[in-house]
Protein backbone atom coordinates (compact mmCIF):
# COMPACT_ATOMS: atom_id res chain seq x y z
CA UNK A 1 0.03 -0.08 -0.05
CA UNK A 2 2.94 2.33 0.78
CA UNK A 3 4.49 1.78 -2.49
CA UNK A 4 1.14 2.57 -4.29
CA UNK A 5 0.74 5.98 -2.48
CA UNK A 6 4.30 6.93 -3.52
CA UNK A 7 3.70 5.60 -7.13
CA UNK A 8 0.44 7.72 -7.53
CA UNK A 9 2.00 10.83 -6.12
CA UNK A 10 5.08 10.46 -8.56
CA UNK A 11 2.81 9.73 -11.52
CA UNK A 12 0.65 12.73 -10.87
CA UNK A 13 3.95 14.88 -10.53
CA UNK A 14 5.14 13.34 -13.79
CA UNK A 15 1.88 14.55 -15.42
CA UNK A 16 1.70 18.03 -13.91
CA UNK A 17 5.32 19.12 -13.87
CA UNK A 18 5.78 19.11 -17.54
CA UNK A 19 2.36 20.93 -18.10
CA UNK A 20 3.64 23.38 -15.54
CA UNK A 21 6.64 23.97 -17.76
CA UNK A 22 4.51 24.45 -20.85
CA UNK A 23 2.59 27.18 -18.95
CA UNK A 24 5.96 29.11 -18.97
CA UNK A 25 7.46 28.27 -15.54
CA UNK A 26 10.73 27.09 -17.16
CA UNK A 27 13.16 27.61 -14.32
CA UNK A 28 14.46 24.39 -13.08
CA UNK A 29 13.92 25.56 -9.35
CA UNK A 30 10.24 26.60 -10.18
CA UNK A 31 9.72 23.00 -11.64
CA UNK A 32 11.40 21.28 -8.65
CA UNK A 33 9.36 23.06 -6.13
CA UNK A 34 6.27 22.43 -8.16
CA UNK A 35 6.88 18.72 -8.25
CA UNK A 36 7.66 18.67 -4.59
CA UNK A 37 4.65 20.48 -3.73
CA UNK A 38 2.51 18.34 -6.05
CA UNK A 39 3.84 15.01 -4.40
CA UNK A 40 3.16 16.50 -0.95
CA UNK A 41 -0.52 17.53 -1.72
CA UNK A 42 -1.07 14.20 -3.67
CA UNK A 43 -0.13 12.38 -0.68
CA UNK A 44 -2.17 14.64 1.84
CA UNK A 45 -5.39 14.39 -0.63
CA UNK A 46 -5.11 10.43 -0.89
CA UNK A 47 -4.53 10.04 3.04
CA UNK A 48 -7.74 12.35 3.71
CA UNK A 49 -9.76 10.41 1.06
CA UNK A 50 -8.90 6.98 2.60
CA UNK A 51 -10.08 8.17 6.02
CA UNK A 52 -13.27 9.62 4.67
CA UNK A 53 -16.63 7.75 4.10
CA UNK A 54 -16.50 8.03 0.26
CA UNK A 55 -19.41 5.73 -0.44
CA UNK A 56 -21.84 8.29 1.13
CA UNK A 57 -20.47 11.23 -1.23
CA UNK A 58 -17.68 10.08 -3.16
CA UNK A 59 -17.70 12.95 -5.92
CA UNK A 60 -18.44 15.62 -3.56
CA UNK A 61 -15.35 14.51 -1.37
CA UNK A 62 -13.26 14.20 -4.40
CA UNK A 63 -14.06 17.62 -6.12
CA UNK A 64 -13.96 19.59 -2.66
CA UNK A 65 -10.64 17.79 -2.10
CA UNK A 66 -9.31 18.72 -5.51
CA UNK A 67 -10.49 22.34 -4.98
CA UNK A 68 -8.47 22.38 -1.73
CA UNK A 69 -5.36 21.22 -3.42
CA UNK A 70 -5.69 23.88 -6.11
CA UNK A 71 -5.89 26.46 -3.46
CA UNK A 72 -2.83 24.66 -1.33
CA UNK A 73 -0.50 24.51 -4.40
CA UNK A 74 -1.19 27.94 -5.39
CA UNK A 75 -0.49 29.42 -1.99
CA UNK A 76 2.62 27.27 -1.78
CA UNK A 77 3.75 28.14 -5.16
CA UNK A 78 3.52 31.84 -4.16
CA UNK A 79 5.47 31.23 -0.83
CA UNK A 80 8.11 29.03 -2.18
CA UNK A 81 8.98 30.17 -5.76
CA UNK A 82 10.82 33.52 -5.50
CA UNK A 83 10.71 34.07 -9.31
CA UNK A 84 6.84 34.10 -9.27
CA UNK A 85 5.93 37.61 -9.36
CA UNK A 86 2.68 39.29 -7.71
CA UNK A 87 1.58 40.44 -10.84
CA UNK A 88 1.62 36.97 -12.63
CA UNK A 89 -0.84 35.47 -10.06
CA UNK A 90 -3.52 34.91 -12.56
CA UNK A 91 -1.33 32.82 -14.88
CA UNK A 92 0.12 30.90 -12.06
CA UNK A 93 -3.50 30.10 -10.68
CA UNK A 94 -4.44 28.99 -14.28
CA UNK A 95 -1.42 26.80 -14.46
CA UNK A 96 -1.99 25.22 -11.17
CA UNK A 97 -5.76 24.90 -12.02
CA UNK A 98 -5.14 23.47 -15.41
CA UNK A 99 -2.30 21.01 -14.48
CA UNK A 100 -4.66 19.62 -11.64
CA UNK A 101 -7.69 19.19 -14.15
CA UNK A 102 -5.64 17.54 -16.70
CA UNK A 103 -4.15 14.82 -14.02
CA UNK A 104 -7.76 14.66 -12.35
CA UNK A 105 -9.15 13.71 -15.80
CA UNK A 106 -6.28 11.31 -16.34
CA UNK A 107 -7.02 9.60 -13.01
CA UNK A 108 -10.81 9.53 -14.12
CA UNK A 109 -10.06 7.90 -17.52
CA UNK A 110 -7.68 5.33 -15.89
CA UNK A 111 -10.18 4.24 -13.10
CA UNK A 112 -12.87 3.86 -15.74
CA UNK A 113 -10.80 1.80 -17.80
CA UNK A 114 -10.13 -0.66 -14.82
CA UNK A 115 -13.76 -0.80 -14.15
């Protein structure tokens, strides 16, 4: 189970970090911070979802968790990436939102293909 947690987190970072790069965040330090933030938020979200009664409100928990992840990642990127300028917050939020949306949709497609 521990291996699956880390595999999922690394796979998510592997999907989202190149997309973050394509949004124009090309500094190696920014991409490394984004990957680390991504791994941490993925592990946190999956731990919360494992502890929650998902059968009662799976999609509500999943979507609210993803929203919380976007907000958390955006805030951490602002705090930890010195190259992000205050005037670029809209672009940063769009990048964080879109990268999370793509990886979420990849996860949904993957889950449906296993069903």
